[in-house]
Amino acid sequence: MDSTIEVAVLRTTSHQPTIPRCRRTQRLPYTVPPCSPYHPREKTAILVTPDTYPKVELALSNPSQWNDAWENLYASSPVLVHPNHILSMTRTMRLNHKAHEGSLDNHQDKYRDTVNYKSTCEIQLRLGVKIVNTFTIDDFELCWGALMSVSQRREHVLKALVNAGAQAKNLNLARAYCADILRVDYLSTDGEVVLDLLRELVPQDISVTPAEPYWVCRSKEWEEVREKFVGGVQVVEEEDRGDLIEVLVLRTKLIYFVLEGIVDSFLGHSLPRVTVHKERDRRAKEVKLDDHRRLADEYKKLYGEAGQEKLRKDLAAMEERKSRREVHCTNCQRTQREGERFMRCKKCWDGIQRNVMYCGKTCQVTDWKLRHKKICGKPLSSIDSMFAAACPQQGCLPPPQANQFPAPTNGFRRTPQLVMHIRLLDTAPQYDYILRVSAVDFVEIVIPNERIQAIFRAARYKAFVDGDREACVEMCHFLVWFARAKLDDVNKGWNLRYTVKLMKREFEFPELMARMKECQDAQWKDELRRP
């Protein structure tokens, strides 16, 4: 379930004493409290107009200009994309909204954050399945890194960036959170950058949705933000934890969408779409009118006589984005088709105006047992209650018959190819190994001798779980000997050099061929030629 929430950014407080010349400064009606860990060193504020960050509609109408605007912002106004500034901006917006909405904020319902957090985990799983497939079957590593030019990579990267940024206003704004990663040159000049990112975020178990997203960081500043949340550093208030998770989730979701878009663009598939979460505007008519007047006054102060026309265009763009929103099932994420009407949780809607939709009774019952029973009709008032409502569920693949291999140990991280291999073996545990003999062909290996099979499976376990290099060499050497002993390379045309080449990539073991040759030399010295 991909869902985002529209937010409005009019102004915020800066953390830096240096202010770009193009910005005017003024005192804001609200300043970040000194007790906040995000309180700026100085009380000077930067007036951030609606045009400060490139707009969503520009991504749709002029992608190159939209991207250039972001790149220029990174270079000319680094203060506006610094994590400290982003966190202050998030806190300021929340408190401004609280002041404007009054009693409507009494619930402090974290359901929006729940939806975003859970959907980010689901996107990671979906992308992980694509990665293990394209790395294993489509030879993505070689094509993206060695066979594709920088200009070709740039085309795919820009296409993915534009697609992700054009989905919703807050995803577009989230590009300000990703100056360390989401830059065209960074993602396209060296092919290994994207490959490393993709390898990094593959879940080690692709049968279930991860309980927590993988937080991607490429800078010291964002690593510190991640540590504040993930590392358990105590912050002053519950609201500050909310700011951290909101910023991290939007940043992570956008990075996932861009990387998924790159893979889909490379494969020639349609690019991913996000289903924007529809929410009911619970404000009274008088409050809406007051907010509109206040917004019109601010536009007039910022733009003078042109303010009215700018506001009209911005509101029209917002309505256009709303028209593209879709209703989705909370459980299976299926989109509501034309002429179809999903059912709604009545208790949530009538009690706290929470919009929870289901495509049918089956999905409603499934979600009730898994998650919804804990939160039905109850406001989620804390980050902890949000996590309780975002428990993982079965992934998009059928469940495996067995789970033969636990999570990797000793810092070992499996490659996408090895993750796929484990998945195949867990789906069909009667096989000892899945041996690839060409780009499109693989064979299931079964060792007939029980004693040798037990020895082989013990080595396989150490190689798959601990990343043990000696076990890997012994296992691969035996497999090649086993295939040659049955004359499969002659009778069936198996390309065993290709097989070993794939094993090298599967275990990230460049010396594998040389080490296997050492085993072969030792085998020939044995009078019984035992492997």
Protein backbone atom coordinates (compact mmCIF):
# COMPACT_ATOMS: atom_id res chain seq x y z
CA MET A 1 0.00 0.00 0.00
CA ASP A 2 1.68 3.18 -1.20
CA SER A 3 0.33 6.23 0.43
CA THR A 4 1.40 9.79 1.03
CA ILE A 5 -0.18 12.79 2.68
CA GLU A 6 -0.28 16.27 1.15
CA VAL A 7 1.47 18.94 3.23
CA ALA A 8 1.86 22.68 2.71
CA VAL A 9 5.18 24.47 3.21
CA LEU A 10 4.98 28.22 3.54
CA ARG A 11 7.79 29.11 5.91
CA THR A 12 10.19 27.69 8.42
CA THR A 13 13.10 28.46 10.68
CA SER A 14 16.74 28.06 9.61
CA HIS A 15 19.50 26.47 11.61
CA GLN A 16 22.27 28.46 9.95
CA PRO A 17 23.34 32.05 10.53
CA THR A 18 24.31 32.37 6.87
CA ILE A 19 21.30 33.34 4.76
CA PRO A 20 21.30 33.23 0.95
CA ARG A 21 21.10 36.70 -0.60
CA CYS A 22 18.02 35.77 -2.57
CA ARG A 23 16.04 35.20 0.63
CA ARG A 24 14.37 37.91 2.70
CA THR A 25 14.31 37.53 6.47
CA GLN A 26 11.58 38.36 8.91
CA ARG A 27 10.38 37.34 12.37
CA LEU A 28 7.87 34.49 12.31
CA PRO A 29 4.80 34.36 14.55
CA TYR A 30 6.14 31.03 15.81
CA THR A 31 9.73 30.14 16.73
CA VAL A 32 11.04 26.71 17.65
CA PRO A 33 11.03 26.35 21.46
CA PRO A 34 14.50 26.40 23.12
CA CYS A 35 13.72 23.01 24.69
CA SER A 36 13.61 21.38 21.26
CA PRO A 37 16.69 19.45 20.09
CA TYR A 38 16.15 21.16 16.72
CA HIS A 39 16.24 24.71 18.10
CA PRO A 40 18.40 26.95 15.87
CA ARG A 41 21.47 28.67 17.16
CA GLU A 42 20.05 32.03 16.16
CA LYS A 43 16.51 33.33 16.22
CA THR A 44 16.70 34.76 12.70
CA ALA A 45 14.26 33.05 10.34
CA ILE A 46 14.25 32.46 6.61
CA LEU A 47 11.07 33.22 4.76
CA VAL A 48 10.44 30.13 2.65
CA THR A 49 7.94 30.95 -0.08
CA PRO A 50 5.86 28.38 -2.00
CA ASP A 51 8.32 28.81 -4.88
CA THR A 52 11.43 28.01 -2.84
CA TYR A 53 11.33 24.32 -3.70
CA PRO A 54 10.60 23.17 -7.30
CA LYS A 55 6.93 22.29 -7.73
CA VAL A 56 5.26 18.99 -8.59
CA GLU A 57 3.62 20.38 -11.71
CA LEU A 58 7.03 21.42 -13.07
CA ALA A 59 8.16 17.78 -12.93
CA LEU A 60 5.23 16.89 -15.18
CA SER A 61 5.53 19.80 -17.62
CA ASN A 62 9.32 20.26 -17.87
CA PRO A 63 11.31 17.40 -16.29
CA SER A 64 14.76 18.76 -17.18
CA GLN A 65 13.97 22.21 -15.80
CA TRP A 66 12.54 20.63 -12.64
CA ASN A 67 15.69 18.57 -12.10
CA ASP A 68 17.98 21.56 -12.82
CA ALA A 69 16.04 23.59 -10.26
CA TRP A 70 16.68 20.94 -7.61
CA GLU A 71 20.36 20.67 -8.51
CA ASN A 72 20.73 24.46 -8.31
CA LEU A 73 19.00 24.49 -4.93
CA TYR A 74 21.44 21.88 -3.61
CA ALA A 75 24.37 23.99 -4.81
CA SER A 76 23.19 27.53 -3.98
CA SER A 77 21.16 27.00 -0.78
CA PRO A 78 22.55 24.02 1.14
CA VAL A 79 20.93 25.38 4.31
CA LEU A 80 17.50 24.54 2.90
CA VAL A 81 18.35 20.85 2.44
CA HIS A 82 20.33 20.35 5.66
CA PRO A 83 18.79 17.76 8.05
CA ASN A 84 18.62 20.29 10.91
CA HIS A 85 16.62 22.67 8.74
CA ILE A 86 14.34 19.87 7.50
CA LEU A 87 13.54 18.78 11.06
CA SER A 88 12.86 22.37 12.15
CA MET A 89 10.62 22.84 9.13
CA THR A 90 8.66 19.69 9.98
CA ARG A 91 8.22 20.75 13.60
CA THR A 92 7.19 24.30 12.65
CA MET A 93 4.59 23.06 10.17
CA ARG A 94 3.12 20.67 12.69
CA LEU A 95 2.81 23.34 15.38
CA ASN A 96 1.40 25.86 12.90
CA HIS A 97 -1.19 23.28 11.81
CA LYS A 98 -1.99 22.57 15.44
CA ALA A 99 -2.54 26.27 16.13
CA HIS A 100 -4.79 26.65 13.07
CA GLU A 101 -6.82 23.48 13.55
CA GLY A 102 -7.44 23.90 17.28
CA SER A 103 -9.48 21.09 18.75
CA LEU A 104 -9.09 18.90 15.67
CA ASP A 105 -5.59 18.07 16.85
CA ASN A 106 -6.81 16.64 20.14
CA HIS A 107 -6.73 13.11 18.75
CA GLN A 108 -3.09 13.27 17.65
CA ASP A 109 -4.03 10.30 15.42
CA LYS A 110 -0.85 8.71 14.02
CA TYR A 111 -2.71 6.64 11.43
CA ARG A 112 -1.25 8.68 8.57
CA ASP A 113 2.24 7.86 9.84
CA THR A 114 1.22 4.21 10.20
CA VAL A 115 0.14 4.08 6.55
CA ASN A 116 3.36 5.71 5.36
CA TYR A 117 5.59 3.54 7.54
CA LYS A 118 3.90 0.27 6.55
CA SER A 119 3.79 1.14 2.87
CA THR A 120 7.52 1.98 2.91
CA CYS A 121 8.25 -1.53 4.22
CA GLU A 122 6.03 -2.98 1.50
CA ILE A 123 7.80 -0.97 -1.20
CA GLN A 124 11.15 -2.30 0.03
CA LEU A 125 9.88 -5.89 -0.26
CA ARG A 126 8.43 -5.27 -3.73
CA LEU A 127 11.69 -3.68 -4.87
CA GLY A 128 13.71 -6.46 -3.23
CA VAL A 129 11.85 -9.12 -5.25
CA LYS A 130 12.51 -7.13 -8.45
CA ILE A 131 16.19 -6.80 -7.60
CA VAL A 132 16.79 -10.50 -6.92
CA ASN A 133 15.03 -11.37 -10.17
CA THR A 134 16.78 -8.84 -12.35
CA PHE A 135 20.21 -9.52 -10.81
CA THR A 136 19.77 -13.28 -11.21
CA ILE A 137 17.98 -13.52 -14.55
CA ASP A 138 18.52 -10.26 -16.47
CA ASP A 139 22.24 -9.80 -15.67
CA PHE A 140 21.49 -6.28 -14.45
CA GLU A 141 24.91 -5.82 -12.81
CA LEU A 142 26.85 -6.30 -16.03
CA CYS A 143 24.44 -4.33 -18.22
CA TRP A 144 24.13 -1.34 -15.89
CA GLY A 145 27.77 -1.17 -14.92
CA ALA A 146 29.88 -2.14 -17.94
CA LEU A 147 27.64 -2.19 -21.03
CA MET A 148 25.65 0.99 -20.48
CA SER A 149 27.01 4.49 -21.11
CA VAL A 150 26.72 7.37 -18.66
CA SER A 151 24.21 9.12 -20.92
CA GLN A 152 22.01 6.00 -21.00
CA ARG A 153 22.14 5.71 -17.22
CA ARG A 154 21.30 9.40 -16.89
CA GLU A 155 18.19 8.88 -19.00
CA HIS A 156 16.93 6.09 -16.74
CA VAL A 157 17.78 8.01 -13.56
CA LEU A 158 16.04 11.22 -14.66
CA LYS A 159 12.97 9.28 -15.77
CA ALA A 160 12.76 7.59 -12.36
CA LEU A 161 13.32 10.85 -10.45
CA VAL A 162 10.60 12.66 -12.37
CA ASN A 163 8.13 9.81 -11.96
CA ALA A 164 8.66 9.70 -8.19
CA GLY A 165 8.62 13.47 -7.68
CA ALA A 166 5.44 13.93 -9.72
CA GLN A 167 3.40 11.54 -7.55
CA ALA A 168 2.50 13.89 -4.68
CA LYS A 169 3.49 17.20 -3.13
CA ASN A 170 5.21 15.75 -0.09
CA LEU A 171 7.18 13.23 -2.17
CA ASN A 172 8.36 16.10 -4.34
CA LEU A 173 9.37 18.06 -1.23
CA ALA A 174 11.13 14.98 0.14
CA ARG A 175 13.78 15.42 -2.54
CA ALA A 176 15.09 18.19 -0.28
CA TYR A 177 15.78 15.39 2.22
CA CYS A 178 17.87 13.41 -0.29
CA ALA A 179 20.63 15.76 -1.45
CA ASP A 180 23.22 13.11 -0.55
CA ILE A 181 21.69 10.51 -2.88
CA LEU A 182 19.07 11.68 -5.38
CA ARG A 183 21.28 13.59 -7.79
CA VAL A 184 21.51 12.61 -11.43
CA ASP A 185 25.31 12.77 -11.66
CA TYR A 186 25.80 10.78 -8.47
CA LEU A 187 23.47 8.00 -9.62
CA SER A 188 24.62 7.80 -13.24
CA THR A 189 28.33 8.65 -13.55
CA ASP A 190 29.55 5.53 -11.74
CA GLY A 191 27.37 2.49 -12.38
CA GLU A 192 28.43 0.90 -9.09
CA VAL A 193 26.57 3.56 -7.07
CA VAL A 194 23.10 2.30 -8.04
CA LEU A 195 24.23 -1.33 -7.86
CA ASP A 196 25.52 -0.84 -4.30
CA LEU A 197 22.27 0.85 -3.25
CA LEU A 198 20.19 -1.96 -4.70
CA ARG A 199 22.29 -4.69 -3.06
CA GLU A 200 22.11 -2.82 0.23
CA LEU A 201 18.34 -2.66 0.58
CA VAL A 202 17.38 -6.20 -0.49
CA PRO A 203 15.59 -7.81 2.49
CA GLN A 204 17.44 -10.92 3.64
CA ASP A 205 14.07 -12.71 3.70
CA ILE A 206 11.84 -11.92 0.71
CA SER A 207 8.92 -14.05 1.92
CA VAL A 208 7.60 -11.49 4.43
CA THR A 209 7.34 -7.72 4.61
CA PRO A 210 10.23 -6.25 6.66
CA ALA A 211 9.21 -5.04 10.12
CA GLU A 212 11.36 -1.93 9.62
CA PRO A 213 12.56 -0.21 6.44
CA TYR A 214 16.25 -0.13 5.62
CA TRP A 215 17.30 3.49 6.26
CA VAL A 216 19.66 4.53 3.46
CA CYS A 217 22.30 7.10 4.46
CA ARG A 218 25.26 8.44 2.48
CA SER A 219 26.20 11.45 4.62
CA LYS A 220 27.28 12.02 8.21
CA GLU A 221 24.37 14.40 8.85
CA TRP A 222 21.68 11.93 7.79
CA GLU A 223 23.45 9.11 9.59
CA GLU A 224 23.12 11.17 12.79
CA VAL A 225 19.37 11.62 12.16
CA ARG A 226 19.00 7.86 11.65
CA GLU A 227 20.93 7.16 14.85
CA LYS A 228 18.64 9.48 16.83
CA PHE A 229 15.66 7.38 15.83
CA VAL A 230 17.02 3.87 15.38
CA GLY A 231 19.76 4.09 18.02
CA GLY A 232 17.33 4.87 20.82
CA VAL A 233 18.69 8.31 21.65
CA GLN A 234 16.19 9.98 23.96
CA VAL A 235 14.58 13.10 22.57
CA VAL A 236 12.75 15.71 24.59
CA GLU A 237 9.18 15.11 23.48
CA GLU A 238 7.00 12.52 21.78
CA GLU A 239 6.39 15.06 18.99
CA ASP A 240 10.12 15.12 18.25
CA ARG A 241 10.07 11.37 17.68
CA GLY A 242 7.19 11.99 15.28
CA ASP A 243 9.26 14.53 13.36
CA LEU A 244 12.15 12.09 13.05
CA ILE A 245 10.01 9.24 11.77
CA GLU A 246 8.04 11.46 9.36
CA VAL A 247 11.20 12.82 7.75
CA LEU A 248 12.99 9.47 7.65
CA VAL A 249 10.00 7.65 6.16
CA LEU A 250 9.39 10.20 3.41
CA ARG A 251 13.10 10.31 2.58
CA THR A 252 13.32 6.51 2.51
CA LYS A 253 10.11 6.08 0.52
CA LEU A 254 11.29 8.50 -2.17
CA ILE A 255 14.68 6.77 -2.45
CA TYR A 256 12.93 3.41 -2.82
CA PHE A 257 10.61 4.78 -5.51
CA VAL A 258 13.49 6.23 -7.51
CA LEU A 259 15.54 3.02 -7.34
CA GLU A 260 12.47 0.97 -8.29
CA GLY A 261 11.85 3.35 -11.18
CA ILE A 262 15.44 2.89 -12.39
CA VAL A 263 15.03 -0.91 -12.42
CA ASP A 264 11.63 -0.72 -14.14
CA SER A 265 12.93 1.76 -16.72
CA PHE A 266 15.91 -0.50 -17.46
CA LEU A 267 13.57 -3.49 -17.92
CA GLY A 268 11.19 -1.49 -20.13
CA HIS A 269 8.30 -1.80 -17.66
CA SER A 270 5.84 0.87 -16.61
CA LEU A 271 7.16 2.91 -13.71
CA PRO A 272 5.78 2.44 -10.17
CA ARG A 273 2.83 4.48 -8.92
CA VAL A 274 1.98 5.56 -5.42
CA THR A 275 -1.61 5.41 -4.22
CA VAL A 276 -2.14 8.69 -2.37
CA HIS A 277 -4.09 8.29 0.85
CA LYS A 278 -7.45 10.06 0.72
CA GLU A 279 -8.42 11.88 3.88
CA ARG A 280 -11.58 13.67 4.84
CA ASP A 281 -11.23 17.41 5.45
CA ARG A 282 -12.76 17.59 8.92
CA ARG A 283 -12.64 21.38 9.28
CA ALA A 284 -15.80 23.41 9.57
CA LYS A 285 -16.78 25.60 6.61
CA GLU A 286 -15.97 28.78 8.55
CA VAL A 287 -12.50 27.47 9.41
CA LYS A 288 -11.84 26.61 5.75
CA LEU A 289 -12.82 30.14 4.71
CA ASP A 290 -10.61 31.68 7.39
CA ASP A 291 -7.66 29.55 6.27
CA HIS A 292 -8.24 30.54 2.64
CA ARG A 293 -8.28 34.23 3.58
CA ARG A 294 -5.11 33.84 5.63
CA LEU A 295 -3.43 32.04 2.74
CA ALA A 296 -4.51 34.78 0.31
CA ASP A 297 -3.08 37.43 2.65
CA GLU A 298 0.24 35.63 2.87
CA TYR A 299 0.45 35.28 -0.92
CA LYS A 300 -0.29 39.00 -1.25
CA LYS A 301 2.49 39.86 1.19
CA LEU A 302 4.93 37.61 -0.64
CA TYR A 303 4.06 38.42 -4.25
CA GLY A 304 2.12 41.68 -4.20
CA GLU A 305 -0.50 42.04 -6.91
CA ALA A 306 0.60 38.77 -8.53
CA GLY A 307 -0.22 36.88 -5.35
CA GLN A 308 -3.88 36.25 -6.20
CA GLU A 309 -3.04 34.68 -9.56
CA LYS A 310 -0.26 32.57 -8.01
CA LEU A 311 -2.63 31.30 -5.34
CA ARG A 312 -5.24 30.43 -7.95
CA LYS A 313 -2.67 28.40 -9.94
CA ASP A 314 -1.37 26.62 -6.83
CA LEU A 315 -4.87 25.68 -5.72
CA ALA A 316 -5.72 24.47 -9.23
CA ALA A 317 -2.57 22.31 -9.22
CA MET A 318 -3.60 20.87 -5.86
CA GLU A 319 -7.06 20.00 -7.17
CA GLU A 320 -5.49 18.34 -10.20
CA ARG A 321 -3.33 16.19 -7.91
CA LYS A 322 -6.37 15.28 -5.84
CA SER A 323 -8.19 14.18 -9.00
CA ARG A 324 -5.42 11.62 -9.63
CA ARG A 325 -5.79 10.04 -6.20
CA GLU A 326 -7.22 6.56 -5.93
CA VAL A 327 -8.98 4.54 -3.28
CA HIS A 328 -7.13 1.38 -2.28
CA CYS A 329 -7.81 -1.64 -0.11
CA THR A 330 -6.04 -1.42 3.26
CA ASN A 331 -5.24 -5.14 3.22
CA CYS A 332 -4.39 -6.18 -0.34
CA GLN A 333 -3.64 -2.67 -1.72
CA ARG A 334 -5.84 -3.24 -4.77
CA THR A 335 -7.09 -0.01 -6.36
CA GLN A 336 -10.82 0.66 -6.60
CA ARG A 337 -11.97 0.22 -10.21
CA GLU A 338 -14.41 2.44 -12.06
CA GLY A 339 -17.97 1.71 -10.97
CA GLU A 340 -16.76 -0.20 -7.90
CA ARG A 341 -17.32 0.96 -4.33
CA PHE A 342 -15.14 -0.27 -1.49
CA MET A 343 -16.51 -0.80 2.02
CA ARG A 344 -15.35 1.43 4.88
CA CYS A 345 -14.73 0.67 8.57
CA LYS A 346 -17.79 2.35 10.11
CA LYS A 347 -16.42 2.54 13.65
CA CYS A 348 -13.25 4.36 12.54
CA TRP A 349 -15.14 6.70 10.21
CA ASP A 350 -17.95 7.65 12.59
CA GLY A 351 -15.76 7.87 15.68
CA ILE A 352 -12.57 9.64 14.57
CA GLN A 353 -13.06 10.21 10.81
CA ARG A 354 -10.33 7.71 9.94
CA ASN A 355 -10.80 6.44 6.39
CA VAL A 356 -10.02 2.69 6.32
CA MET A 357 -11.20 1.00 3.12
CA TYR A 358 -11.55 -2.66 2.09
CA CYS A 359 -12.30 -4.26 -1.26
CA GLY A 360 -14.42 -6.98 0.37
CA LYS A 361 -15.28 -9.01 3.44
CA THR A 362 -12.30 -11.34 3.08
CA CYS A 363 -9.76 -8.52 3.23
CA GLN A 364 -11.60 -6.87 6.11
CA VAL A 365 -11.52 -10.08 8.18
CA THR A 366 -7.85 -10.73 7.32
CA ASP A 367 -6.76 -7.24 8.28
CA TRP A 368 -8.88 -7.34 11.46
CA LYS A 369 -7.04 -10.41 12.72
CA LEU A 370 -3.62 -9.10 11.71
CA ARG A 371 -3.71 -5.39 12.60
CA HIS A 372 -6.97 -3.51 12.66
CA LYS A 373 -8.44 -5.04 15.83
CA LYS A 374 -5.78 -3.22 17.87
CA ILE A 375 -6.67 0.23 16.54
CA CYS A 376 -10.31 0.11 15.40
CA GLY A 377 -12.00 3.34 16.50
CA LYS A 378 -9.03 4.25 18.71
CA PRO A 379 -6.79 7.26 18.02
CA LEU A 380 -3.10 6.38 17.72
CA SER A 381 -1.56 8.87 20.10
CA SER A 382 2.08 7.79 20.08
CA ILE A 383 4.83 6.43 17.87
CA ASP A 384 4.71 3.15 19.81
CA SER A 385 1.01 2.71 19.02
CA MET A 386 1.86 3.45 15.39
CA PHE A 387 4.39 0.61 15.33
CA ALA A 388 1.85 -1.74 16.91
CA ALA A 389 -0.53 -1.00 14.05
CA ALA A 390 2.12 -1.50 11.36
CA CYS A 391 3.05 -5.12 12.03
CA PRO A 392 4.42 -6.94 8.94
CA GLN A 393 2.37 -9.31 6.85
CA GLN A 394 2.98 -12.07 4.29
CA GLY A 395 4.85 -10.80 1.27
CA CYS A 396 3.85 -10.85 -2.38
CA LEU A 397 5.33 -14.33 -2.97
CA PRO A 398 3.73 -17.62 -1.84
CA PRO A 399 5.06 -18.76 1.55
CA PRO A 400 8.01 -21.19 1.39
CA GLN A 401 7.59 -24.82 2.38
CA ALA A 402 10.54 -24.62 4.76
CA ASN A 403 12.87 -22.06 6.33
CA GLN A 404 16.19 -23.89 6.21
CA PHE A 405 18.46 -20.89 6.67
CA PRO A 406 18.19 -18.30 9.47
CA ALA A 407 19.28 -14.68 9.14
CA PRO A 408 22.97 -14.26 8.23
CA THR A 409 25.47 -13.98 11.09
CA ASN A 410 28.87 -12.37 11.77
CA GLY A 411 28.11 -9.33 9.64
CA PHE A 412 27.61 -11.42 6.50
CA ARG A 413 25.15 -9.86 4.05
CA ARG A 414 23.73 -11.99 1.26
CA THR A 415 23.82 -10.86 -2.34
CA PRO A 416 20.52 -10.58 -4.26
CA GLN A 417 21.46 -13.75 -6.15
CA LEU A 418 22.00 -15.67 -2.90
CA VAL A 419 18.70 -14.37 -1.48
CA MET A 420 16.94 -15.73 -4.57
CA HIS A 421 18.79 -19.04 -4.30
CA ILE A 422 17.70 -19.48 -0.68
CA ARG A 423 14.13 -18.65 -1.65
CA LEU A 424 14.14 -21.34 -4.35
CA LEU A 425 15.59 -23.95 -1.99
CA ASP A 426 13.04 -23.11 0.72
CA THR A 427 10.27 -23.44 -1.86
CA ALA A 428 11.56 -26.90 -2.87
CA PRO A 429 13.57 -28.20 0.12
CA GLN A 430 14.05 -31.64 -1.45
CA TYR A 431 16.81 -30.20 -3.65
CA ASP A 432 20.38 -29.72 -2.45
CA TYR A 433 21.35 -26.95 -4.86
CA ILE A 434 19.98 -24.92 -7.78
CA LEU A 435 22.74 -24.96 -10.38
CA ARG A 436 22.62 -22.37 -13.16
CA VAL A 437 24.18 -23.63 -16.39
CA SER A 438 23.22 -20.77 -18.73
CA ALA A 439 21.54 -17.36 -18.64
CA VAL A 440 18.09 -18.97 -18.81
CA ASP A 441 18.59 -22.58 -17.67
CA PHE A 442 19.01 -24.01 -14.20
CA VAL A 443 18.89 -27.54 -12.83
CA GLU A 444 17.95 -28.93 -9.45
CA ILE A 445 20.71 -31.01 -7.89
CA VAL A 446 19.92 -33.96 -5.61
CA ILE A 447 22.84 -35.88 -4.07
CA PRO A 448 21.85 -39.58 -3.93
CA ASN A 449 24.23 -40.68 -1.15
CA GLU A 450 22.80 -39.72 2.24
CA ARG A 451 26.16 -39.46 3.99
CA ILE A 452 27.67 -37.23 1.32
CA GLN A 453 24.45 -35.24 1.18
CA ALA A 454 24.67 -34.54 4.93
CA ILE A 455 28.29 -33.33 4.55
CA PHE A 456 27.32 -31.16 1.58
CA ARG A 457 24.33 -29.61 3.37
CA ALA A 458 26.48 -28.78 6.40
CA ALA A 459 28.92 -26.91 4.13
CA ARG A 460 25.99 -25.24 2.34
CA TYR A 461 24.58 -24.04 5.69
CA LYS A 462 27.92 -22.47 6.71
CA ALA A 463 28.30 -20.80 3.31
CA PHE A 464 24.71 -19.46 3.20
CA VAL A 465 24.44 -18.35 6.84
CA ASP A 466 27.98 -17.43 7.94
CA GLY A 467 29.48 -16.60 4.56
CA ASP A 468 32.27 -19.09 5.35
CA ARG A 469 34.75 -19.01 2.46
CA GLU A 470 36.23 -22.48 3.05
CA ALA A 471 32.76 -24.02 3.07
CA CYS A 472 31.93 -22.12 -0.10
CA VAL A 473 35.03 -23.45 -1.90
CA GLU A 474 34.38 -27.04 -0.79
CA MET A 475 30.72 -26.87 -1.81
CA CYS A 476 31.41 -25.38 -5.25
CA HIS A 477 34.28 -27.76 -5.94
CA PHE A 478 32.07 -30.74 -5.10
CA LEU A 479 29.25 -29.51 -7.37
CA VAL A 480 31.59 -29.19 -10.37
CA TRP A 481 33.09 -32.63 -9.66
CA PHE A 482 29.59 -34.10 -9.26
CA ALA A 483 28.44 -32.72 -12.63
CA ARG A 484 31.59 -33.89 -14.42
CA ALA A 485 31.44 -37.33 -12.81
CA LYS A 486 28.01 -37.80 -14.40
CA LEU A 487 29.33 -36.37 -17.71
CA ASP A 488 26.63 -33.70 -17.64
CA ASP A 489 29.00 -31.16 -19.19
CA VAL A 490 29.48 -33.49 -22.20
CA ASN A 491 26.08 -35.15 -22.54
CA LYS A 492 23.89 -32.20 -21.58
CA GLY A 493 26.09 -29.32 -22.70
CA TRP A 494 26.42 -27.72 -19.27
CA ASN A 495 28.76 -24.74 -19.25
CA LEU A 496 30.45 -25.26 -15.89
CA ARG A 497 32.74 -22.24 -16.29
CA TYR A 498 29.64 -20.11 -16.57
CA THR A 499 28.31 -21.83 -13.45
CA VAL A 500 31.45 -21.02 -11.44
CA LYS A 501 31.35 -17.43 -12.70
CA LEU A 502 27.82 -17.07 -11.31
CA MET A 503 28.89 -18.63 -8.01
CA LYS A 504 31.65 -16.01 -7.73
CA ARG A 505 29.02 -13.29 -8.00
CA GLU A 506 26.56 -15.10 -5.75
CA PHE A 507 29.09 -15.20 -2.90
CA GLU A 508 31.07 -12.07 -3.90
CA PHE A 509 34.16 -14.28 -3.99
CA PRO A 510 36.54 -13.18 -6.81
CA GLU A 511 39.18 -15.78 -5.82
CA LEU A 512 36.75 -18.70 -6.06
CA MET A 513 38.10 -20.10 -9.34
CA ALA A 514 41.70 -20.06 -8.08
CA ARG A 515 40.71 -21.68 -4.79
CA MET A 516 38.73 -24.38 -6.61
CA LYS A 517 41.80 -25.10 -8.75
CA GLU A 518 43.76 -25.71 -5.54
CA CYS A 519 41.11 -28.22 -4.50
CA GLN A 520 41.31 -29.89 -7.91
CA ASP A 521 45.10 -30.19 -7.65
CA ALA A 522 44.72 -31.78 -4.22
CA GLN A 523 42.09 -34.14 -5.62
CA TRP A 524 44.44 -35.40 -8.34
CA LYS A 525 47.05 -36.22 -5.69
CA ASP A 526 44.55 -38.46 -3.91
CA GLU A 527 44.80 -42.04 -5.12
CA LEU A 528 41.00 -42.41 -5.13
CA ARG A 529 40.46 -38.98 -6.75
CA ARG A 530 38.10 -37.98 -3.95
CA PRO A 531 36.80 -34.38 -4.05
